[in-house]
Protein backbone atom coordinates (compact mmCIF):
# COMPACT_ATOMS: atom_id res chain seq x y z
CA MET A 1 0.09 -0.06 0.12
CA GLU A 2 1.23 3.69 -1.25
CA ASP A 3 0.16 5.44 2.09
CA GLU A 4 0.98 2.90 4.70
CA LEU A 5 3.95 5.17 6.14
CA TYR A 6 1.32 8.11 6.21
CA TYR A 7 -1.43 6.10 7.76
CA SER A 8 0.72 4.67 10.57
CA PHE A 9 2.29 8.04 11.04
CA GLU A 10 -1.24 9.72 11.77
CA LYS A 11 -2.27 6.44 13.83
CA GLU A 12 0.60 7.34 16.16
CA LEU A 13 -0.46 10.81 16.79
CA ASP A 14 -4.54 8.94 17.05
CA ASN A 15 -3.21 6.78 19.48
CA GLU A 16 -1.42 9.41 21.81
CA ALA A 17 -4.47 11.55 21.49
CA LYS A 18 -6.63 8.55 22.71
CA ARG A 19 -3.94 7.78 25.82
CA ILE A 20 -4.62 11.05 26.84
CA ILE A 21 -8.23 11.14 27.13
CA HIS A 22 -8.01 7.81 29.18
CA ILE A 23 -5.78 10.32 31.52
CA LEU A 24 -8.44 12.90 31.48
CA LEU A 25 -11.45 10.49 32.10
CA ASP A 26 -9.54 9.23 34.84
CA MET A 27 -8.79 12.61 36.61
CA TYR A 28 -12.30 14.02 35.78
CA GLU A 29 -13.87 10.51 37.66
CA LYS A 30 -11.40 11.33 40.59
CA LYS A 31 -12.46 15.01 40.67
CA ARG A 32 -9.05 15.61 40.52
CA LYS A 33 -8.20 19.99 40.41
CA VAL A 34 -6.10 21.02 37.77
CA LYS A 35 -6.59 24.79 37.55
CA LYS A 36 -5.31 25.08 34.18
CA SER A 37 -6.65 25.31 30.73
CA PHE A 38 -7.57 22.18 28.71
CA SER A 39 -4.64 23.09 26.25
CA GLU A 40 -2.26 23.29 29.13
CA ILE A 41 -3.41 19.99 30.63
CA VAL A 42 -3.10 18.03 27.09
CA SER A 43 0.11 19.56 26.45
CA LEU A 44 1.70 18.39 30.19
CA LEU A 45 0.23 14.83 29.55
CA VAL A 46 2.00 14.62 25.63
CA LYS A 47 4.84 12.42 25.66
CA LYS A 48 8.21 14.20 25.69
CA GLU A 49 8.97 12.50 22.18
CA LEU A 50 5.42 14.10 20.54
CA LYS A 51 6.06 17.65 21.81
CA TYR A 52 6.48 18.58 19.09
CA TYR A 53 2.90 17.61 17.73
CA THR A 54 1.03 19.01 20.57
CA VAL A 55 -1.42 21.12 18.82
CA ASP A 56 -2.28 18.79 16.59
CA ILE A 57 -2.46 15.99 19.28
CA ASN A 58 -4.90 18.63 20.99
CA LEU A 59 -7.26 18.89 18.10
CA ARG A 60 -7.38 15.16 18.45
CA VAL A 61 -7.92 15.01 21.81
CA THR A 62 -11.14 17.22 21.61
CA HIS A 63 -12.36 15.25 18.68
CA PHE A 64 -12.40 12.07 20.34
CA LEU A 65 -13.53 12.91 23.41
CA PRO A 66 -16.58 10.69 24.32
CA ASP A 67 -19.94 12.85 23.43
CA ASP A 68 -20.78 13.55 26.93
CA TYR A 69 -17.56 15.32 27.83
CA ALA A 70 -16.12 18.92 27.04
CA PRO A 71 -13.40 20.68 28.54
CA ASP A 72 -13.91 22.68 31.75
CA PHE A 73 -14.39 25.94 30.69
CA LYS A 74 -13.97 27.08 34.61
CA GLU A 75 -10.49 25.26 33.83
CA VAL A 76 -10.97 23.44 37.76
CA TYR A 77 -10.95 20.15 36.17
CA ALA A 78 -9.96 18.50 33.11
CA LEU A 79 -13.23 17.99 31.94
CA SER A 80 -16.99 18.71 32.56
CA LYS A 81 -20.02 17.04 31.30
CA ARG A 82 -21.05 18.58 27.92
CA GLU A 83 -24.63 19.96 29.29
CA GLU A 84 -22.27 22.22 31.66
CA PHE A 85 -20.00 23.06 28.88
CA ASN A 86 -22.81 24.33 26.80
CA LYS A 87 -24.54 25.91 29.66
CA GLU A 88 -21.08 27.77 30.35
CA SER A 89 -20.71 28.91 26.93
CA LEU A 90 -24.32 29.89 26.64
CA ILE A 91 -23.73 32.05 29.58
CA ARG A 92 -20.60 33.79 28.47
CA TYR A 93 -22.35 34.19 25.23
CA THR A 94 -25.37 35.94 26.65
CA LYS A 95 -22.96 38.14 28.79
CA MET A 96 -20.96 39.33 25.88
CA CYS A 97 -23.81 39.96 23.58
CA LYS A 98 -25.47 41.98 26.53
CA LYS A 99 -22.38 44.07 26.59
CA ASP A 100 -21.00 44.57 23.38
CA LEU A 101 -23.90 43.81 21.11
CA LYS A 102 -26.60 45.23 23.13
CA LYS A 103 -28.59 42.05 22.69
CA ASP A 104 -30.56 40.67 25.47
CA HIS A 105 -31.52 37.19 25.23
CA GLU A 106 -33.32 37.38 28.48
CA LYS A 107 -35.59 40.02 27.52
CA ILE A 108 -36.05 38.46 24.31
CA ALA A 109 -37.13 35.43 26.06
CA GLN A 110 -39.55 37.00 28.34
CA SER A 111 -41.55 38.80 25.01
CA LEU A 112 -41.34 35.54 23.33
CA VAL A 113 -42.79 33.83 26.13
CA LYS A 114 -45.82 36.00 26.28
CA LYS A 115 -45.95 35.59 22.59
CA MET A 116 -46.13 32.21 22.66
CA ILE A 117 -48.79 32.19 25.16
CA LYS A 118 -50.99 34.03 23.05
CA PHE A 119 -50.51 31.82 20.26
CA LEU A 120 -51.11 28.58 22.02
CA ILE A 121 -54.26 30.15 23.40
CA LYS A 122 -55.48 30.87 19.87
CA HIS A 123 -54.07 27.70 18.31
CA PRO A 124 -54.32 24.70 21.31
CA ASN A 125 -53.82 22.35 18.59
CA THR A 126 -50.97 23.86 16.69
CA GLU A 127 -48.50 21.13 15.20
CA LYS A 128 -45.57 23.67 15.45
CA GLY A 129 -42.61 22.76 18.04
CA LEU A 130 -40.86 25.08 20.12
CA LEU A 131 -37.73 24.99 18.08
CA GLU A 132 -39.86 26.15 14.91
CA PHE A 133 -41.80 28.71 17.16
CA ILE A 134 -38.35 30.33 17.78
CA SER A 135 -36.59 30.36 14.64
CA GLU A 136 -40.11 31.72 12.91
CA ARG A 137 -39.98 35.15 15.23
CA ILE A 138 -36.34 35.51 16.32
CA HIS A 139 -35.93 37.81 13.27
CA ASP A 140 -38.19 40.43 14.85
CA TYR A 141 -35.95 40.46 17.99
CA LEU A 142 -32.56 40.36 16.35
CA PRO A 143 -33.04 41.98 12.92
CA ASP A 144 -29.65 42.32 12.24
CA HIS A 145 -28.11 38.93 13.20
CA ASN A 146 -29.28 35.67 14.56
CA ASP A 147 -28.47 32.54 14.28
CA SER A 148 -29.04 29.14 16.43
CA VAL A 149 -26.59 30.25 19.39
CA ASP A 150 -28.71 32.79 19.53
CA ALA A 151 -32.01 30.86 19.87
CA ARG A 152 -30.04 28.49 22.38
CA ALA A 153 -29.51 31.26 24.31
CA ILE A 154 -33.26 32.64 24.65
CA VAL A 155 -33.71 29.09 25.52
CA PHE A 156 -31.69 29.05 28.12
CA PHE A 157 -33.92 31.57 30.09
CA TYR A 158 -37.31 30.26 28.74
CA ASP A 159 -37.93 27.98 31.75
CA ALA A 160 -37.92 31.22 33.87
CA ALA A 161 -39.90 33.57 32.14
CA LEU A 162 -42.33 30.91 31.65
CA LYS A 163 -42.65 30.14 35.32
CA LYS A 164 -42.74 33.95 35.78
CA GLU A 165 -46.02 34.00 33.44
CA GLY A 166 -47.14 30.73 35.28
CA TYR A 167 -46.65 28.24 32.71
CA GLN A 168 -44.54 25.40 32.16
CA ILE A 169 -43.76 23.44 28.73
CA SER A 170 -45.76 20.02 28.87
CA SER A 171 -44.67 19.18 25.20
CA LEU A 172 -41.78 20.73 23.17
CA ASN A 173 -43.22 19.52 19.76
CA PRO A 174 -46.00 19.75 19.10
CA LEU A 175 -45.52 22.63 21.56
CA ARG A 176 -47.76 23.02 24.44
CA ILE A 177 -48.12 24.45 27.81
CA LYS A 178 -49.80 23.84 30.95
CA LYS A 179 -50.52 26.25 34.28
CA ILE A 180 -48.59 25.65 37.08
């Protein structure tokens, strides 16, 4: 095979990334505090003879992480659960948007919840789901720029806004609410 050397080379880098992942998972399971960024931890774990490839190995470690894990944004542990990573990234995003871009996802959520309640009272048997409902209306609130991250940020505040109005979602698809 003509490319055998290349594939063997790539496999060596993959194997190092996978070795590091096992260490990271063990550190996470033992709740070992590292107080370093993910990149710093990976860099420290790369074998001395492979240090030149640290950036490539770091990318592979991130790529090969099991689906339910992610780097720890707070830099306390080596890893976090993906839900925590997503939550922390949305919190950072919403703060940045509010400060720099004057986007207030929390206020948008409150306004959208009120529209949703009115919509569902008028159309109680709608086949629309929450995702469709938001994507059809987000342009009204963020006409200059919006994307799925903005929609996720709005949904982050949705529960609190719904509770404030005395409701909770009983079904996402089709969208249904109930009084609490």
